[in-house]
Amino acid sequence: MSAPFSLISSALPKNVKLMTLKNMPAEDVAYTNGHVLVRLAHLFQVGEHPTLAAPVNVSLAALFSESALKITSATEWSLTVNRDATAMMEQDAQRRAQPWKTDASTQALAEHDGARKERVYLDSDDATLSVTIHPMEVRTFVCDFSRA
């Protein structure tokens, strides 16, 4: 019988779930072998719970700090891993330049405490690799690991 093994060093917050932890396929030309896809999801919607429906910070570096594999880098990608954070930031800028025409009643959710006002992408240069996950948000990262 083998001892239990986990790649995760610390518990995730109660309102966040690890959705995906998967090796990227070597045949995928966008990546080199050894990249790992990590998806984290916030489990609550805005206003669903007094404390668990709030945005939460997660450090990818702390999450994988004491396992056999240490995270060495991470970049944020779209949910379907077809656009990196740079492309998503460009699209966000275009959306801000041409906002949707909506009536005032649809703005109530945006003003609700905990609702995301503007997306803040993962800073790959931050040693903690910290990210804020808002209610009902799924964040996708392509990470590199090294053996500890």
N, C-alpha and C. Protein backbone atom coordinates (compact mmCIF):
# COMPACT_ATOMS: atom_id res chain seq x y z
N MET A 1 0.84 -1.17 0.00
CA MET A 1 0.00 0.00 0.00
C MET A 1 0.89 1.24 0.00
N SER A 2 0.61 2.18 -0.90
CA SER A 2 1.42 3.38 -0.98
C SER A 2 0.83 4.50 -0.13
N ALA A 3 1.69 5.42 0.23
CA ALA A 3 1.27 6.57 1.04
C ALA A 3 0.46 7.53 0.18
N PRO A 4 -0.48 8.26 0.77
CA PRO A 4 -1.24 9.25 0.01
C PRO A 4 -0.32 10.31 -0.58
N PHE A 5 -0.66 10.79 -1.75
CA PHE A 5 0.15 11.77 -2.45
C PHE A 5 -0.74 12.88 -2.97
N SER A 6 -0.29 14.11 -2.82
CA SER A 6 -1.03 15.25 -3.35
C SER A 6 -0.06 16.27 -3.90
N LEU A 7 -0.41 16.86 -5.02
CA LEU A 7 0.39 17.94 -5.57
C LEU A 7 0.07 19.27 -4.91
N ILE A 8 -1.04 19.33 -4.21
CA ILE A 8 -1.46 20.58 -3.59
C ILE A 8 -0.94 20.63 -2.16
N SER A 9 -0.26 21.72 -1.82
CA SER A 9 0.38 21.87 -0.52
C SER A 9 -0.55 22.39 0.56
N SER A 10 -1.46 23.27 0.18
CA SER A 10 -2.34 23.87 1.17
C SER A 10 -3.78 23.78 0.69
N ALA A 11 -4.70 23.87 1.62
CA ALA A 11 -6.11 23.78 1.27
C ALA A 11 -6.55 25.02 0.50
N LEU A 12 -7.40 24.81 -0.47
CA LEU A 12 -8.01 25.92 -1.17
C LEU A 12 -9.05 26.57 -0.27
N PRO A 13 -9.36 27.84 -0.49
CA PRO A 13 -10.46 28.46 0.26
C PRO A 13 -11.75 27.65 0.03
N LYS A 14 -12.68 27.72 0.97
CA LYS A 14 -13.92 26.94 0.88
C LYS A 14 -14.76 27.28 -0.35
N ASN A 15 -14.57 28.46 -0.89
CA ASN A 15 -15.38 28.88 -2.03
C ASN A 15 -14.67 28.72 -3.37
N VAL A 16 -13.55 28.00 -3.40
CA VAL A 16 -12.81 27.78 -4.64
C VAL A 16 -12.59 26.28 -4.83
N LYS A 17 -12.74 25.84 -6.07
CA LYS A 17 -12.53 24.43 -6.40
C LYS A 17 -11.50 24.31 -7.51
N LEU A 18 -10.62 23.33 -7.38
CA LEU A 18 -9.67 23.00 -8.44
C LEU A 18 -10.45 22.21 -9.48
N MET A 19 -10.67 22.81 -10.65
CA MET A 19 -11.46 22.17 -11.69
C MET A 19 -10.61 21.29 -12.60
N THR A 20 -9.39 21.74 -12.88
CA THR A 20 -8.53 21.03 -13.83
C THR A 20 -7.09 21.07 -13.37
N LEU A 21 -6.44 19.93 -13.44
CA LEU A 21 -5.00 19.81 -13.24
C LEU A 21 -4.56 18.75 -14.24
N LYS A 22 -4.05 19.21 -15.40
CA LYS A 22 -3.85 18.30 -16.52
C LYS A 22 -2.59 18.65 -17.29
N ASN A 23 -1.81 17.64 -17.66
CA ASN A 23 -0.66 17.85 -18.53
C ASN A 23 -1.15 18.34 -19.89
N MET A 24 -0.45 19.32 -20.44
CA MET A 24 -0.79 19.79 -21.78
C MET A 24 -0.27 18.77 -22.79
N PRO A 25 -1.01 18.47 -23.83
CA PRO A 25 -0.56 17.48 -24.80
C PRO A 25 0.69 17.95 -25.55
N ALA A 26 1.64 17.06 -25.68
CA ALA A 26 2.90 17.39 -26.35
C ALA A 26 2.68 17.72 -27.82
N GLU A 27 1.64 17.15 -28.44
CA GLU A 27 1.39 17.40 -29.86
C GLU A 27 0.75 18.76 -30.13
N ASP A 28 0.32 19.43 -29.08
CA ASP A 28 -0.27 20.76 -29.25
C ASP A 28 0.85 21.75 -29.55
N VAL A 29 0.83 22.34 -30.72
CA VAL A 29 1.94 23.19 -31.15
C VAL A 29 2.08 24.46 -30.34
N ALA A 30 1.05 24.86 -29.60
CA ALA A 30 1.12 26.10 -28.82
C ALA A 30 1.96 25.93 -27.56
N TYR A 31 2.25 24.70 -27.16
CA TYR A 31 2.93 24.46 -25.91
C TYR A 31 4.09 23.50 -26.11
N THR A 32 4.98 23.51 -25.16
CA THR A 32 6.03 22.50 -25.13
C THR A 32 5.67 21.49 -24.06
N ASN A 33 6.23 20.32 -24.14
CA ASN A 33 5.93 19.28 -23.17
C ASN A 33 6.31 19.75 -21.77
N GLY A 34 5.49 19.43 -20.80
CA GLY A 34 5.79 19.79 -19.41
C GLY A 34 4.90 20.88 -18.85
N HIS A 35 4.11 21.53 -19.68
CA HIS A 35 3.17 22.52 -19.18
C HIS A 35 1.96 21.81 -18.57
N VAL A 36 1.40 22.43 -17.54
CA VAL A 36 0.25 21.86 -16.86
C VAL A 36 -0.88 22.90 -16.87
N LEU A 37 -2.06 22.45 -17.23
CA LEU A 37 -3.24 23.30 -17.24
C LEU A 37 -3.88 23.27 -15.86
N VAL A 38 -4.10 24.44 -15.26
CA VAL A 38 -4.71 24.56 -13.94
C VAL A 38 -5.92 25.49 -14.07
N ARG A 39 -7.09 25.01 -13.66
CA ARG A 39 -8.29 25.84 -13.65
C ARG A 39 -8.84 25.89 -12.24
N LEU A 40 -9.14 27.10 -11.79
CA LEU A 40 -9.75 27.32 -10.48
C LEU A 40 -11.10 28.00 -10.69
N ALA A 41 -12.10 27.56 -9.94
CA ALA A 41 -13.44 28.13 -10.09
C ALA A 41 -13.97 28.58 -8.74
N HIS A 42 -14.63 29.74 -8.74
CA HIS A 42 -15.35 30.24 -7.56
C HIS A 42 -16.71 29.57 -7.56
N LEU A 43 -17.13 29.03 -6.45
CA LEU A 43 -18.33 28.20 -6.38
C LEU A 43 -19.62 28.96 -6.09
N PHE A 44 -19.54 30.23 -5.76
CA PHE A 44 -20.73 30.98 -5.36
C PHE A 44 -21.00 32.11 -6.33
N GLN A 45 -22.26 32.53 -6.36
CA GLN A 45 -22.62 33.70 -7.14
C GLN A 45 -22.74 34.91 -6.22
N VAL A 46 -22.72 36.09 -6.78
CA VAL A 46 -22.82 37.32 -6.00
C VAL A 46 -24.10 37.30 -5.18
N GLY A 47 -23.96 37.57 -3.88
CA GLY A 47 -25.11 37.65 -3.00
C GLY A 47 -25.64 36.32 -2.49
N GLU A 48 -25.05 35.21 -2.88
CA GLU A 48 -25.55 33.90 -2.48
C GLU A 48 -25.24 33.56 -1.02
N HIS A 49 -24.12 34.06 -0.51
CA HIS A 49 -23.73 33.78 0.87
C HIS A 49 -23.05 35.03 1.42
N PRO A 50 -23.24 35.33 2.70
CA PRO A 50 -22.67 36.57 3.25
C PRO A 50 -21.14 36.65 3.20
N THR A 51 -20.44 35.53 3.35
CA THR A 51 -18.98 35.59 3.31
C THR A 51 -18.38 34.80 2.15
N LEU A 52 -18.96 33.65 1.82
CA LEU A 52 -18.37 32.81 0.78
C LEU A 52 -18.60 33.33 -0.64
N ALA A 53 -19.51 34.28 -0.81
CA ALA A 53 -19.76 34.85 -2.12
C ALA A 53 -18.85 36.04 -2.42
N ALA A 54 -17.88 36.27 -1.58
CA ALA A 54 -16.95 37.38 -1.77
C ALA A 54 -15.78 36.95 -2.66
N PRO A 55 -15.13 37.90 -3.32
CA PRO A 55 -13.92 37.58 -4.07
C PRO A 55 -12.87 37.00 -3.13
N VAL A 56 -12.02 36.14 -3.64
CA VAL A 56 -11.01 35.49 -2.81
C VAL A 56 -9.66 35.48 -3.53
N ASN A 57 -8.60 35.68 -2.75
CA ASN A 57 -7.24 35.65 -3.31
C ASN A 57 -6.67 34.25 -3.14
N VAL A 58 -6.01 33.77 -4.19
CA VAL A 58 -5.35 32.47 -4.17
C VAL A 58 -3.94 32.66 -4.70
N SER A 59 -2.96 32.13 -3.99
CA SER A 59 -1.58 32.15 -4.43
C SER A 59 -1.23 30.80 -5.05
N LEU A 60 -0.97 30.79 -6.34
CA LEU A 60 -0.59 29.53 -6.99
C LEU A 60 0.73 29.02 -6.43
N ALA A 61 1.64 29.92 -6.11
CA ALA A 61 2.93 29.51 -5.55
C ALA A 61 2.75 28.82 -4.20
N ALA A 62 1.87 29.35 -3.35
CA ALA A 62 1.62 28.72 -2.05
C ALA A 62 0.86 27.41 -2.20
N LEU A 63 -0.02 27.36 -3.19
CA LEU A 63 -0.82 26.17 -3.42
C LEU A 63 0.05 24.96 -3.77
N PHE A 64 1.15 25.22 -4.48
CA PHE A 64 2.04 24.14 -4.91
C PHE A 64 3.42 24.27 -4.27
N SER A 65 3.52 24.83 -3.07
CA SER A 65 4.82 25.15 -2.48
C SER A 65 5.56 23.97 -1.86
N GLU A 66 4.88 22.98 -1.36
CA GLU A 66 5.57 21.92 -0.63
C GLU A 66 5.40 20.55 -1.27
N SER A 67 4.96 20.49 -2.49
CA SER A 67 4.75 19.21 -3.14
C SER A 67 6.03 18.76 -3.85
N ALA A 68 5.97 17.59 -4.45
CA ALA A 68 7.12 17.04 -5.17
C ALA A 68 7.44 17.89 -6.40
N LEU A 69 6.45 18.60 -6.90
CA LEU A 69 6.65 19.50 -8.03
C LEU A 69 6.41 20.93 -7.56
N LYS A 70 7.34 21.82 -7.83
CA LYS A 70 7.20 23.23 -7.47
C LYS A 70 6.84 24.02 -8.72
N ILE A 71 5.91 24.93 -8.57
CA ILE A 71 5.53 25.77 -9.69
C ILE A 71 6.64 26.79 -9.95
N THR A 72 7.07 26.91 -11.19
CA THR A 72 8.13 27.85 -11.53
C THR A 72 7.62 29.06 -12.29
N SER A 73 6.50 28.89 -13.01
CA SER A 73 5.92 30.03 -13.72
C SER A 73 4.47 29.72 -14.06
N ALA A 74 3.71 30.77 -14.33
CA ALA A 74 2.32 30.61 -14.72
C ALA A 74 1.92 31.78 -15.60
N THR A 75 1.11 31.49 -16.59
CA THR A 75 0.52 32.53 -17.43
C THR A 75 -0.98 32.29 -17.49
N GLU A 76 -1.73 33.36 -17.54
CA GLU A 76 -3.18 33.23 -17.58
C GLU A 76 -3.65 33.10 -19.02
N TRP A 77 -4.67 32.27 -19.21
CA TRP A 77 -5.26 32.03 -20.53
C TRP A 77 -6.77 32.12 -20.42
N SER A 78 -7.42 32.16 -21.57
CA SER A 78 -8.88 32.12 -21.60
C SER A 78 -9.35 30.74 -21.16
N LEU A 79 -10.61 30.60 -20.86
CA LEU A 79 -11.17 29.34 -20.39
C LEU A 79 -10.87 28.19 -21.34
N THR A 80 -10.94 28.44 -22.64
CA THR A 80 -10.71 27.40 -23.64
C THR A 80 -9.26 27.31 -24.08
N VAL A 81 -8.39 28.07 -23.47
CA VAL A 81 -6.94 28.08 -23.72
C VAL A 81 -6.64 28.38 -25.19
N ASN A 82 -7.40 29.31 -25.78
CA ASN A 82 -7.11 29.72 -27.15
C ASN A 82 -6.60 31.15 -27.24
N ARG A 83 -6.60 31.88 -26.11
CA ARG A 83 -6.05 33.23 -26.08
C ARG A 83 -5.32 33.43 -24.77
N ASP A 84 -4.14 34.04 -24.83
CA ASP A 84 -3.41 34.34 -23.60
C ASP A 84 -3.91 35.65 -23.02
N ALA A 85 -3.40 36.00 -21.86
CA ALA A 85 -3.87 37.20 -21.15
C ALA A 85 -3.65 38.47 -21.97
N THR A 86 -2.58 38.53 -22.74
CA THR A 86 -2.32 39.72 -23.57
C THR A 86 -3.45 39.94 -24.56
N ALA A 87 -3.87 38.87 -25.24
CA ALA A 87 -4.97 38.98 -26.20
C ALA A 87 -6.28 39.34 -25.49
N MET A 88 -6.49 38.79 -24.29
CA MET A 88 -7.71 39.11 -23.55
C MET A 88 -7.71 40.56 -23.08
N MET A 89 -6.54 41.08 -22.68
CA MET A 89 -6.45 42.49 -22.26
C MET A 89 -6.76 43.41 -23.44
N GLU A 90 -6.27 43.07 -24.63
CA GLU A 90 -6.56 43.86 -25.82
C GLU A 90 -8.06 43.88 -26.10
N GLN A 91 -8.70 42.73 -25.97
CA GLN A 91 -10.14 42.65 -26.19
C GLN A 91 -10.89 43.45 -25.13
N ASP A 92 -10.44 43.39 -23.88
CA ASP A 92 -11.06 44.19 -22.81
C ASP A 92 -10.98 45.69 -23.14
N ALA A 93 -9.83 46.13 -23.65
CA ALA A 93 -9.65 47.54 -24.00
C ALA A 93 -10.62 47.94 -25.12
N GLN A 94 -10.82 47.07 -26.10
CA GLN A 94 -11.76 47.35 -27.18
C GLN A 94 -13.18 47.45 -26.65
N ARG A 95 -13.53 46.57 -25.71
CA ARG A 95 -14.88 46.60 -25.12
C ARG A 95 -15.12 47.89 -24.35
N ARG A 96 -14.09 48.35 -23.63
CA ARG A 96 -14.24 49.60 -22.87
C ARG A 96 -14.39 50.79 -23.80
N ALA A 97 -13.77 50.73 -24.97
CA ALA A 97 -13.86 51.82 -25.93
C ALA A 97 -15.25 51.89 -26.56
N GLN A 98 -15.93 50.76 -26.64
CA GLN A 98 -17.28 50.71 -27.22
C GLN A 98 -18.20 49.94 -26.27
N PRO A 99 -18.64 50.59 -25.19
CA PRO A 99 -19.45 49.87 -24.19
C PRO A 99 -20.83 49.50 -24.74
N TRP A 100 -21.41 48.47 -24.13
CA TRP A 100 -22.76 48.05 -24.48
C TRP A 100 -23.74 49.14 -24.07
N LYS A 101 -24.76 49.33 -24.87
CA LYS A 101 -25.82 50.27 -24.51
C LYS A 101 -26.86 49.47 -23.72
N THR A 102 -26.98 49.82 -22.44
CA THR A 102 -27.92 49.11 -21.57
C THR A 102 -28.76 50.12 -20.81
N ASP A 103 -29.86 49.64 -20.26
CA ASP A 103 -30.64 50.55 -19.43
C ASP A 103 -30.13 50.49 -17.99
N ALA A 104 -30.53 51.43 -17.19
CA ALA A 104 -30.01 51.56 -15.82
C ALA A 104 -30.32 50.34 -14.95
N SER A 105 -31.40 49.63 -15.23
CA SER A 105 -31.77 48.49 -14.38
C SER A 105 -30.76 47.35 -14.47
N THR A 106 -30.03 47.24 -15.55
CA THR A 106 -29.05 46.15 -15.70
C THR A 106 -27.75 46.45 -14.97
N GLN A 107 -27.58 47.66 -14.48
CA GLN A 107 -26.36 48.04 -13.79
C GLN A 107 -26.35 47.62 -12.33
N ALA A 108 -27.46 47.12 -11.80
CA ALA A 108 -27.56 46.78 -10.38
C ALA A 108 -26.54 45.72 -9.97
N LEU A 109 -26.34 44.70 -10.79
CA LEU A 109 -25.40 43.64 -10.44
C LEU A 109 -23.97 44.18 -10.40
N ALA A 110 -23.61 45.02 -11.34
CA ALA A 110 -22.25 45.56 -11.38
C ALA A 110 -21.94 46.39 -10.15
N GLU A 111 -22.96 46.96 -9.52
CA GLU A 111 -22.74 47.78 -8.35
C GLU A 111 -22.83 46.97 -7.06
N HIS A 112 -23.21 45.72 -7.14
CA HIS A 112 -23.36 44.85 -5.97
C HIS A 112 -21.99 44.53 -5.39
N ASP A 113 -21.91 44.51 -4.06
CA ASP A 113 -20.66 44.19 -3.39
C ASP A 113 -20.20 42.78 -3.78
N GLY A 114 -18.95 42.66 -4.21
CA GLY A 114 -18.39 41.38 -4.61
C GLY A 114 -18.39 41.17 -6.11
N ALA A 115 -19.19 41.93 -6.85
CA ALA A 115 -19.21 41.79 -8.30
C ALA A 115 -17.92 42.34 -8.89
N ARG A 116 -17.45 41.69 -9.92
CA ARG A 116 -16.20 42.11 -10.55
C ARG A 116 -16.44 43.39 -11.33
N LYS A 117 -15.65 44.39 -11.03
CA LYS A 117 -15.76 45.67 -11.75
C LYS A 117 -14.89 45.64 -13.01
N GLU A 118 -13.68 45.14 -12.85
CA GLU A 118 -12.75 45.04 -13.97
C GLU A 118 -11.81 43.87 -13.69
N ARG A 119 -11.53 43.09 -14.71
CA ARG A 119 -10.67 41.91 -14.54
C ARG A 119 -9.23 42.34 -14.30
N VAL A 120 -8.61 41.75 -13.29
CA VAL A 120 -7.19 41.95 -13.01
C VAL A 120 -6.51 40.62 -13.31
N TYR A 121 -5.64 40.62 -14.30
CA TYR A 121 -4.99 39.39 -14.75
C TYR A 121 -3.81 39.03 -13.85
N LEU A 122 -3.45 37.77 -13.88
CA LEU A 122 -2.30 37.26 -13.14
C LEU A 122 -1.04 37.98 -13.59
N ASP A 123 -0.25 38.46 -12.63
CA ASP A 123 1.04 39.06 -12.92
C ASP A 123 2.09 37.95 -12.86
N SER A 124 2.57 37.51 -14.01
CA SER A 124 3.52 36.39 -14.07
C SER A 124 4.84 36.70 -13.40
N ASP A 125 5.13 37.99 -13.18
CA ASP A 125 6.38 38.38 -12.53
C ASP A 125 6.27 38.40 -11.00
N ASP A 126 5.05 38.30 -10.48
CA ASP A 126 4.82 38.26 -9.03
C ASP A 126 5.24 36.89 -8.51
N ALA A 127 6.15 36.86 -7.55
CA ALA A 127 6.66 35.59 -7.02
C ALA A 127 5.58 34.74 -6.36
N THR A 128 4.53 35.37 -5.82
CA THR A 128 3.46 34.61 -5.17
C THR A 128 2.45 34.06 -6.18
N LEU A 129 2.47 34.58 -7.39
CA LEU A 129 1.51 34.19 -8.42
C LEU A 129 0.09 34.25 -7.87
N SER A 130 -0.24 35.38 -7.25
CA SER A 130 -1.55 35.55 -6.63
C SER A 130 -2.58 36.05 -7.63
N VAL A 131 -3.78 35.57 -7.46
CA VAL A 131 -4.88 35.96 -8.33
C VAL A 131 -6.14 36.10 -7.49
N THR A 132 -7.00 37.05 -7.84
CA THR A 132 -8.29 37.22 -7.18
C THR A 132 -9.36 36.57 -8.06
N ILE A 133 -10.13 35.68 -7.45
CA ILE A 133 -11.19 34.99 -8.17
C ILE A 133 -12.52 35.52 -7.64
N HIS A 134 -13.33 36.05 -8.53
CA HIS A 134 -14.62 36.63 -8.17
C HIS A 134 -15.73 35.59 -8.27
N PRO A 135 -16.88 35.87 -7.66
CA PRO A 135 -17.99 34.92 -7.70
C PRO A 135 -18.32 34.46 -9.12
N MET A 136 -18.52 33.13 -9.25
CA MET A 136 -18.88 32.45 -10.50
C MET A 136 -17.82 32.58 -11.59
N GLU A 137 -16.61 32.90 -11.21
CA GLU A 137 -15.53 33.08 -12.19
C GLU A 137 -14.67 31.81 -12.24
N VAL A 138 -14.23 31.47 -13.44
CA VAL A 138 -13.29 30.37 -13.65
C VAL A 138 -12.03 30.99 -14.24
N ARG A 139 -10.89 30.73 -13.63
CA ARG A 139 -9.61 31.26 -14.11
C ARG A 139 -8.74 30.10 -14.58
N THR A 140 -8.09 30.29 -15.71
CA THR A 140 -7.29 29.24 -16.34
C THR A 140 -5.84 29.68 -16.45
N PHE A 141 -4.93 28.77 -16.08
CA PHE A 141 -3.50 29.08 -16.09
C PHE A 141 -2.74 27.92 -16.74
N VAL A 142 -1.71 28.28 -17.48
CA VAL A 142 -0.77 27.28 -17.98
C VAL A 142 0.49 27.46 -17.16
N CYS A 143 0.89 26.40 -16.45
CA CYS A 143 1.96 26.49 -15.47
C CYS A 143 3.12 25.58 -15.85
N ASP A 144 4.30 25.99 -15.40
CA ASP A 144 5.48 25.15 -15.51
C ASP A 144 5.86 24.71 -14.11
N PHE A 145 6.30 23.48 -14.00
CA PHE A 145 6.71 22.91 -12.72
C PHE A 145 8.12 22.35 -12.85
N SER A 146 8.80 22.28 -11.73
CA SER A 146 10.09 21.59 -11.67
C SER A 146 10.04 20.63 -10.49
N ARG A 147 10.83 19.58 -10.57
CA ARG A 147 10.87 18.62 -9.47
C ARG A 147 11.62 19.24 -8.29
N ALA A 148 11.04 19.10 -7.12
CA ALA A 148 11.64 19.68 -5.91
C ALA A 148 12.80 18.83 -5.42
